[in-house]
Amino acid sequence: MERSGSQKFLLVISILDIIVGILGLIGAIMFITLGAGTNIAEVADPASMAEAGITASDASAAAGVMGIVGIVALFSGALCLLQGILGVRAANDNQKIMPVWVIALIGLICAAVGIIMGLIDGSFGTQAWSLVGSLAGSLLMFWVANNIKREAGK
């Protein structure tokens, strides 16, 4: 069976999503382990941390923030990986497009919420490329899923 143009485009986006999802999961694991490492360093050598001007509460706060960022990145990476895997499946069989459409919609909502939160807390400037890239990827996936859904007659 010949793939439509939308299915070919979906395949390309899905492969990119799989790559980004794997990289996101690796980054999330690094953030989580670095957060745990910060707590271990604080317990292991509190004298050198005090000498550097780092209090125990500063180290705990940094570890907590890194843990939260790691968990959010873990969720984001898993969502991106799932979206890519489902996209590859739907690129081969357009009757399986609904899960891709739903996951793309969830990704779109999460990206929009991330941008709004970044604007509210002032961190948008440092995360702009990541947030806008996430929004663009989810928007493209949603748009292509809509096209394939229309082609399939669902």
N, C-alpha and C. Protein backbone atom coordinates (compact mmCIF):
# COMPACT_ATOMS: atom_id res chain seq x y z
N MET A 1 0.84 -1.17 0.00
CA MET A 1 0.00 0.00 0.00
C MET A 1 0.89 1.25 0.00
N GLU A 2 0.58 2.16 -0.86
CA GLU A 2 1.34 3.40 -0.99
C GLU A 2 0.95 4.37 0.13
N ARG A 3 1.95 4.99 0.74
CA ARG A 3 1.69 5.98 1.79
C ARG A 3 1.32 7.31 1.15
N SER A 4 0.40 8.02 1.81
CA SER A 4 0.07 9.37 1.36
C SER A 4 1.18 10.32 1.79
N GLY A 5 1.13 11.54 1.30
CA GLY A 5 2.11 12.54 1.69
C GLY A 5 2.08 12.81 3.18
N SER A 6 0.88 12.83 3.74
CA SER A 6 0.74 13.06 5.18
C SER A 6 1.36 11.92 5.98
N GLN A 7 1.18 10.69 5.51
CA GLN A 7 1.77 9.55 6.22
C GLN A 7 3.29 9.57 6.15
N LYS A 8 3.85 9.99 5.01
CA LYS A 8 5.30 10.11 4.90
C LYS A 8 5.83 11.18 5.85
N PHE A 9 5.13 12.30 5.90
CA PHE A 9 5.51 13.39 6.80
C PHE A 9 5.39 12.95 8.25
N LEU A 10 4.34 12.20 8.56
CA LEU A 10 4.15 11.67 9.91
C LEU A 10 5.30 10.75 10.29
N LEU A 11 5.76 9.94 9.36
CA LEU A 11 6.87 9.03 9.63
C LEU A 11 8.14 9.81 9.98
N VAL A 12 8.42 10.87 9.23
CA VAL A 12 9.61 11.68 9.49
C VAL A 12 9.51 12.35 10.86
N ILE A 13 8.36 12.96 11.15
CA ILE A 13 8.17 13.61 12.45
C ILE A 13 8.25 12.59 13.58
N SER A 14 7.72 11.41 13.36
CA SER A 14 7.72 10.37 14.40
C SER A 14 9.13 9.90 14.70
N ILE A 15 9.95 9.74 13.68
CA ILE A 15 11.33 9.32 13.91
C ILE A 15 12.08 10.41 14.69
N LEU A 16 11.84 11.67 14.34
CA LEU A 16 12.46 12.77 15.10
C LEU A 16 11.96 12.78 16.54
N ASP A 17 10.68 12.51 16.73
CA ASP A 17 10.12 12.44 18.09
C ASP A 17 10.76 11.32 18.91
N ILE A 18 11.00 10.19 18.29
CA ILE A 18 11.65 9.08 18.99
C ILE A 18 13.05 9.49 19.44
N ILE A 19 13.79 10.13 18.55
CA ILE A 19 15.15 10.58 18.89
C ILE A 19 15.12 11.60 20.03
N VAL A 20 14.24 12.59 19.92
CA VAL A 20 14.12 13.62 20.95
C VAL A 20 13.65 13.01 22.27
N GLY A 21 12.72 12.05 22.20
CA GLY A 21 12.23 11.39 23.41
C GLY A 21 13.33 10.63 24.13
N ILE A 22 14.17 9.92 23.38
CA ILE A 22 15.28 9.18 23.99
C ILE A 22 16.26 10.15 24.63
N LEU A 23 16.60 11.23 23.91
CA LEU A 23 17.50 12.23 24.47
C LEU A 23 16.90 12.89 25.72
N GLY A 24 15.60 13.13 25.69
CA GLY A 24 14.92 13.71 26.85
C GLY A 24 14.95 12.78 28.05
N LEU A 25 14.76 11.49 27.81
CA LEU A 25 14.82 10.53 28.92
C LEU A 25 16.23 10.45 29.50
N ILE A 26 17.24 10.50 28.65
CA ILE A 26 18.62 10.48 29.13
C ILE A 26 18.89 11.74 29.96
N GLY A 27 18.46 12.90 29.45
CA GLY A 27 18.64 14.14 30.20
C GLY A 27 17.90 14.12 31.53
N ALA A 28 16.71 13.56 31.54
CA ALA A 28 15.94 13.48 32.79
C ALA A 28 16.65 12.61 33.81
N ILE A 29 17.17 11.50 33.37
CA ILE A 29 17.90 10.62 34.29
C ILE A 29 19.13 11.34 34.84
N MET A 30 19.81 12.12 33.98
CA MET A 30 20.97 12.88 34.44
C MET A 30 20.57 13.92 35.48
N PHE A 31 19.47 14.64 35.25
CA PHE A 31 19.02 15.63 36.22
C PHE A 31 18.66 14.99 37.54
N ILE A 32 17.98 13.87 37.49
CA ILE A 32 17.57 13.19 38.72
C ILE A 32 18.80 12.70 39.48
N THR A 33 19.76 12.11 38.79
CA THR A 33 20.97 11.63 39.47
C THR A 33 21.83 12.78 39.95
N LEU A 34 21.88 13.89 39.22
CA LEU A 34 22.64 15.06 39.70
C LEU A 34 21.99 15.65 40.94
N GLY A 35 20.67 15.65 40.98
CA GLY A 35 19.97 16.13 42.18
C GLY A 35 20.29 15.26 43.38
N ALA A 36 20.30 13.96 43.16
CA ALA A 36 20.65 13.05 44.25
C ALA A 36 22.11 13.23 44.62
N GLY A 37 22.96 13.47 43.62
CA GLY A 37 24.39 13.69 43.88
C GLY A 37 24.64 14.93 44.70
N THR A 38 23.83 15.96 44.51
CA THR A 38 23.97 17.18 45.30
C THR A 38 23.70 16.89 46.77
N ASN A 39 22.67 16.09 47.04
CA ASN A 39 22.38 15.72 48.43
C ASN A 39 23.48 14.84 49.01
N ILE A 40 24.02 13.94 48.22
CA ILE A 40 25.09 13.07 48.70
C ILE A 40 26.33 13.89 49.01
N ALA A 41 26.66 14.86 48.13
CA ALA A 41 27.83 15.71 48.36
C ALA A 41 27.66 16.52 49.64
N GLU A 42 26.45 16.97 49.91
CA GLU A 42 26.19 17.76 51.12
C GLU A 42 26.43 16.91 52.36
N VAL A 43 25.98 15.67 52.33
CA VAL A 43 26.15 14.79 53.48
C VAL A 43 27.59 14.34 53.61
N ALA A 44 28.25 14.08 52.47
CA ALA A 44 29.59 13.53 52.48
C ALA A 44 30.63 14.55 52.97
N ASP A 45 30.51 15.80 52.55
CA ASP A 45 31.53 16.79 52.91
C ASP A 45 30.91 18.15 53.19
N PRO A 46 30.21 18.28 54.32
CA PRO A 46 29.56 19.56 54.62
C PRO A 46 30.57 20.69 54.88
N ALA A 47 31.77 20.36 55.31
CA ALA A 47 32.77 21.40 55.60
C ALA A 47 33.20 22.13 54.33
N SER A 48 33.45 21.37 53.26
CA SER A 48 33.88 22.02 52.01
C SER A 48 32.73 22.81 51.39
N MET A 49 31.51 22.36 51.58
CA MET A 49 30.37 23.11 51.07
C MET A 49 30.20 24.41 51.86
N ALA A 50 30.41 24.36 53.16
CA ALA A 50 30.33 25.57 53.97
C ALA A 50 31.44 26.53 53.60
N GLU A 51 32.62 25.98 53.32
CA GLU A 51 33.76 26.80 52.91
C GLU A 51 33.48 27.52 51.60
N ALA A 52 32.73 26.88 50.72
CA ALA A 52 32.38 27.49 49.43
C ALA A 52 31.20 28.44 49.57
N GLY A 53 30.63 28.55 50.75
CA GLY A 53 29.52 29.47 50.98
C GLY A 53 28.17 28.88 50.64
N ILE A 54 28.10 27.57 50.53
CA ILE A 54 26.85 26.90 50.21
C ILE A 54 26.28 26.33 51.50
N THR A 55 25.09 26.78 51.84
CA THR A 55 24.46 26.26 53.05
C THR A 55 23.73 24.95 52.73
N ALA A 56 23.39 24.25 53.78
CA ALA A 56 22.68 22.99 53.60
C ALA A 56 21.32 23.22 52.96
N SER A 57 20.66 24.32 53.30
CA SER A 57 19.35 24.59 52.71
C SER A 57 19.48 24.94 51.23
N ASP A 58 20.58 25.63 50.84
CA ASP A 58 20.81 25.92 49.42
C ASP A 58 20.99 24.63 48.62
N ALA A 59 21.79 23.73 49.17
CA ALA A 59 22.04 22.46 48.48
C ALA A 59 20.78 21.63 48.40
N SER A 60 19.98 21.63 49.46
CA SER A 60 18.72 20.87 49.44
C SER A 60 17.74 21.47 48.44
N ALA A 61 17.69 22.80 48.39
CA ALA A 61 16.79 23.46 47.43
C ALA A 61 17.23 23.15 46.00
N ALA A 62 18.53 23.19 45.74
CA ALA A 62 19.03 22.87 44.39
C ALA A 62 18.72 21.43 44.03
N ALA A 63 18.89 20.52 44.98
CA ALA A 63 18.60 19.12 44.72
C ALA A 63 17.11 18.92 44.45
N GLY A 64 16.28 19.63 45.21
CA GLY A 64 14.83 19.53 45.01
C GLY A 64 14.41 20.05 43.64
N VAL A 65 14.95 21.19 43.26
CA VAL A 65 14.63 21.76 41.94
C VAL A 65 15.09 20.82 40.83
N MET A 66 16.30 20.28 40.98
CA MET A 66 16.80 19.36 39.95
C MET A 66 15.95 18.10 39.88
N GLY A 67 15.47 17.64 41.02
CA GLY A 67 14.59 16.47 41.03
C GLY A 67 13.27 16.75 40.33
N ILE A 68 12.69 17.93 40.59
CA ILE A 68 11.43 18.29 39.95
C ILE A 68 11.61 18.46 38.45
N VAL A 69 12.67 19.15 38.06
CA VAL A 69 12.96 19.31 36.63
C VAL A 69 13.18 17.95 35.98
N GLY A 70 13.85 17.06 36.69
CA GLY A 70 14.08 15.72 36.16
C GLY A 70 12.80 14.94 35.97
N ILE A 71 11.87 15.06 36.91
CA ILE A 71 10.59 14.35 36.79
C ILE A 71 9.76 14.91 35.64
N VAL A 72 9.74 16.24 35.51
CA VAL A 72 9.01 16.86 34.39
C VAL A 72 9.64 16.45 33.07
N ALA A 73 10.98 16.45 33.01
CA ALA A 73 11.68 16.04 31.79
C ALA A 73 11.44 14.57 31.49
N LEU A 74 11.35 13.75 32.52
CA LEU A 74 11.06 12.33 32.34
C LEU A 74 9.69 12.15 31.71
N PHE A 75 8.69 12.87 32.22
CA PHE A 75 7.34 12.81 31.67
C PHE A 75 7.33 13.30 30.22
N SER A 76 8.01 14.41 29.97
CA SER A 76 8.06 14.99 28.63
C SER A 76 8.75 14.05 27.65
N GLY A 77 9.86 13.47 28.06
CA GLY A 77 10.58 12.54 27.19
C GLY A 77 9.77 11.29 26.90
N ALA A 78 9.08 10.78 27.92
CA ALA A 78 8.25 9.59 27.72
C ALA A 78 7.08 9.89 26.79
N LEU A 79 6.47 11.07 26.95
CA LEU A 79 5.37 11.47 26.08
C LEU A 79 5.85 11.61 24.63
N CYS A 80 7.01 12.21 24.45
CA CYS A 80 7.56 12.39 23.12
C CYS A 80 7.90 11.03 22.48
N LEU A 81 8.49 10.14 23.27
CA LEU A 81 8.82 8.80 22.76
C LEU A 81 7.55 8.03 22.39
N LEU A 82 6.54 8.09 23.24
CA LEU A 82 5.27 7.42 22.95
C LEU A 82 4.62 7.99 21.70
N GLN A 83 4.65 9.31 21.57
CA GLN A 83 4.09 9.96 20.39
C GLN A 83 4.82 9.50 19.13
N GLY A 84 6.13 9.37 19.20
CA GLY A 84 6.90 8.91 18.04
C GLY A 84 6.59 7.46 17.67
N ILE A 85 6.52 6.61 18.67
CA ILE A 85 6.24 5.19 18.41
C ILE A 85 4.84 5.02 17.80
N LEU A 86 3.86 5.71 18.40
CA LEU A 86 2.50 5.62 17.86
C LEU A 86 2.43 6.24 16.46
N GLY A 87 3.22 7.28 16.23
CA GLY A 87 3.25 7.91 14.91
C GLY A 87 3.80 6.99 13.83
N VAL A 88 4.84 6.25 14.15
CA VAL A 88 5.39 5.29 13.19
C VAL A 88 4.35 4.23 12.87
N ARG A 89 3.65 3.77 13.89
CA ARG A 89 2.60 2.77 13.69
C ARG A 89 1.48 3.32 12.80
N ALA A 90 1.08 4.57 13.03
CA ALA A 90 0.01 5.17 12.24
C ALA A 90 0.47 5.52 10.83
N ALA A 91 1.76 5.77 10.66
CA ALA A 91 2.27 6.06 9.31
C ALA A 91 2.18 4.83 8.42
N ASN A 92 2.21 3.67 9.03
CA ASN A 92 2.09 2.42 8.28
C ASN A 92 0.63 2.01 8.07
N ASP A 93 -0.25 2.41 8.98
CA ASP A 93 -1.67 2.06 8.89
C ASP A 93 -2.49 3.24 9.36
N ASN A 94 -3.09 3.97 8.42
CA ASN A 94 -3.79 5.20 8.79
C ASN A 94 -5.04 4.96 9.65
N GLN A 95 -5.48 3.74 9.81
CA GLN A 95 -6.62 3.45 10.68
C GLN A 95 -6.24 3.55 12.16
N LYS A 96 -4.93 3.63 12.45
CA LYS A 96 -4.45 3.69 13.83
C LYS A 96 -4.02 5.10 14.22
N ILE A 97 -4.67 6.11 13.67
CA ILE A 97 -4.26 7.50 13.87
C ILE A 97 -4.82 8.11 15.15
N MET A 98 -5.93 7.60 15.68
CA MET A 98 -6.55 8.23 16.85
C MET A 98 -5.64 8.33 18.07
N PRO A 99 -4.88 7.29 18.44
CA PRO A 99 -3.97 7.45 19.59
C PRO A 99 -2.93 8.55 19.35
N VAL A 100 -2.45 8.69 18.12
CA VAL A 100 -1.49 9.74 17.80
C VAL A 100 -2.15 11.10 17.97
N TRP A 101 -3.36 11.22 17.50
CA TRP A 101 -4.10 12.48 17.61
C TRP A 101 -4.28 12.87 19.07
N VAL A 102 -4.64 11.91 19.91
CA VAL A 102 -4.86 12.18 21.34
C VAL A 102 -3.55 12.57 22.02
N ILE A 103 -2.48 11.82 21.77
CA ILE A 103 -1.19 12.12 22.39
C ILE A 103 -0.66 13.46 21.90
N ALA A 104 -0.85 13.77 20.61
CA ALA A 104 -0.42 15.07 20.08
C ALA A 104 -1.21 16.21 20.74
N LEU A 105 -2.49 15.99 20.99
CA LEU A 105 -3.30 17.00 21.67
C LEU A 105 -2.81 17.20 23.10
N ILE A 106 -2.50 16.12 23.79
CA ILE A 106 -1.96 16.22 25.15
C ILE A 106 -0.62 16.96 25.13
N GLY A 107 0.24 16.63 24.17
CA GLY A 107 1.53 17.31 24.04
C GLY A 107 1.36 18.79 23.74
N LEU A 108 0.38 19.11 22.93
CA LEU A 108 0.09 20.50 22.59
C LEU A 108 -0.35 21.28 23.83
N ILE A 109 -1.21 20.68 24.62
CA ILE A 109 -1.68 21.32 25.85
C ILE A 109 -0.53 21.49 26.84
N CYS A 110 0.29 20.45 26.99
CA CYS A 110 1.43 20.54 27.91
C CYS A 110 2.42 21.62 27.47
N ALA A 111 2.68 21.70 26.18
CA ALA A 111 3.61 22.72 25.66
C ALA A 111 3.05 24.12 25.89
N ALA A 112 1.76 24.30 25.66
CA ALA A 112 1.14 25.61 25.88
C ALA A 112 1.19 25.99 27.36
N VAL A 113 0.92 25.04 28.23
CA VAL A 113 1.00 25.30 29.67
C VAL A 113 2.44 25.64 30.06
N GLY A 114 3.41 24.94 29.49
CA GLY A 114 4.83 25.22 29.76
C GLY A 114 5.21 26.63 29.35
N ILE A 115 4.73 27.06 28.20
CA ILE A 115 5.03 28.42 27.74
C ILE A 115 4.38 29.45 28.67
N ILE A 116 3.13 29.23 29.03
CA ILE A 116 2.44 30.16 29.93
C ILE A 116 3.16 30.22 31.28
N MET A 117 3.54 29.07 31.82
CA MET A 117 4.26 29.05 33.10
C MET A 117 5.61 29.74 32.98
N GLY A 118 6.30 29.53 31.86
CA GLY A 118 7.58 30.20 31.64
C GLY A 118 7.43 31.70 31.56
N LEU A 119 6.36 32.17 30.96
CA LEU A 119 6.11 33.61 30.89
C LEU A 119 5.76 34.17 32.26
N ILE A 120 5.00 33.41 33.04
CA ILE A 120 4.59 33.88 34.37
C ILE A 120 5.78 33.95 35.32
N ASP A 121 6.61 32.90 35.35
CA ASP A 121 7.71 32.90 36.32
C ASP A 121 9.00 33.54 35.80
N GLY A 122 8.97 34.01 34.56
CA GLY A 122 10.13 34.73 34.02
C GLY A 122 11.23 33.86 33.48
N SER A 123 11.02 32.56 33.38
CA SER A 123 12.06 31.67 32.88
C SER A 123 11.93 31.37 31.39
N PHE A 124 10.99 32.03 30.73
CA PHE A 124 10.77 31.76 29.31
C PHE A 124 12.00 32.04 28.48
N GLY A 125 12.73 33.10 28.79
CA GLY A 125 13.92 33.46 28.01
C GLY A 125 14.96 32.37 27.98
N THR A 126 15.15 31.68 29.09
CA THR A 126 16.17 30.64 29.14
C THR A 126 15.69 29.33 28.52
N GLN A 127 14.39 29.15 28.45
CA GLN A 127 13.83 27.90 27.93
C GLN A 127 13.11 28.10 26.61
N ALA A 128 13.24 29.25 25.99
CA ALA A 128 12.43 29.59 24.82
C ALA A 128 12.54 28.57 23.71
N TRP A 129 13.76 28.19 23.35
CA TRP A 129 13.93 27.25 22.23
C TRP A 129 13.27 25.91 22.52
N SER A 130 13.45 25.44 23.73
CA SER A 130 12.87 24.15 24.10
C SER A 130 11.35 24.21 24.11
N LEU A 131 10.79 25.26 24.70
CA LEU A 131 9.34 25.37 24.80
C LEU A 131 8.69 25.59 23.44
N VAL A 132 9.26 26.46 22.64
CA VAL A 132 8.70 26.72 21.31
C VAL A 132 8.88 25.50 20.42
N GLY A 133 10.02 24.81 20.54
CA GLY A 133 10.23 23.58 19.77
C GLY A 133 9.24 22.49 20.13
N SER A 134 8.97 22.38 21.42
CA SER A 134 7.98 21.40 21.88
C SER A 134 6.59 21.74 21.35
N LEU A 135 6.23 23.01 21.39
CA LEU A 135 4.94 23.44 20.87
C LEU A 135 4.85 23.19 19.36
N ALA A 136 5.92 23.54 18.63
CA ALA A 136 5.92 23.35 17.18
C ALA A 136 5.83 21.87 16.81
N GLY A 137 6.58 21.02 17.53
CA GLY A 137 6.54 19.58 17.24
C GLY A 137 5.16 18.99 17.48
N SER A 138 4.56 19.35 18.60
CA SER A 138 3.22 18.84 18.91
C SER A 138 2.18 19.40 17.94
N LEU A 139 2.33 20.66 17.56
CA LEU A 139 1.40 21.27 16.62
C LEU A 139 1.49 20.60 15.25
N LEU A 140 2.71 20.33 14.78
CA LEU A 140 2.88 19.62 13.51
C LEU A 140 2.28 18.22 13.56
N MET A 141 2.54 17.52 14.65
CA MET A 141 2.03 16.16 14.80
C MET A 141 0.49 16.18 14.82
N PHE A 142 -0.09 17.13 15.54
CA PHE A 142 -1.54 17.25 15.61
C PHE A 142 -2.13 17.57 14.24
N TRP A 143 -1.51 18.48 13.51
CA TRP A 143 -1.97 18.88 12.19
C TRP A 143 -1.92 17.70 11.21
N VAL A 144 -0.81 16.97 11.22
CA VAL A 144 -0.68 15.81 10.32
C VAL A 144 -1.67 14.72 10.73
N ALA A 145 -1.85 14.50 12.03
CA ALA A 145 -2.81 13.49 12.50
C ALA A 145 -4.22 13.86 12.06
N ASN A 146 -4.55 15.16 12.11
CA ASN A 146 -5.85 15.61 11.62
C ASN A 146 -6.02 15.32 10.14
N ASN A 147 -4.98 15.58 9.35
CA ASN A 147 -5.04 15.31 7.91
C ASN A 147 -5.25 13.82 7.62
N ILE A 148 -4.50 12.99 8.33
CA ILE A 148 -4.63 11.54 8.11
C ILE A 148 -5.99 11.05 8.59
N LYS A 149 -6.46 11.62 9.70
CA LYS A 149 -7.79 11.26 10.21
C LYS A 149 -8.87 11.59 9.18
N ARG A 150 -8.72 12.74 8.56
CA ARG A 150 -9.68 13.16 7.51
C ARG A 150 -9.59 12.24 6.30
N GLU A 151 -8.36 11.86 5.90
CA GLU A 151 -8.16 10.96 4.78
C GLU A 151 -8.76 9.57 5.05
N ALA A 152 -8.62 9.13 6.31
CA ALA A 152 -9.13 7.79 6.68
C ALA A 152 -10.65 7.80 6.82
N GLY A 153 -11.24 8.98 6.89
CA GLY A 153 -12.69 9.07 6.99
C GLY A 153 -13.21 8.84 8.38
N LYS A 154 -12.41 9.17 9.41
CA LYS A 154 -12.85 9.00 10.80
C LYS A 154 -13.49 10.24 11.31
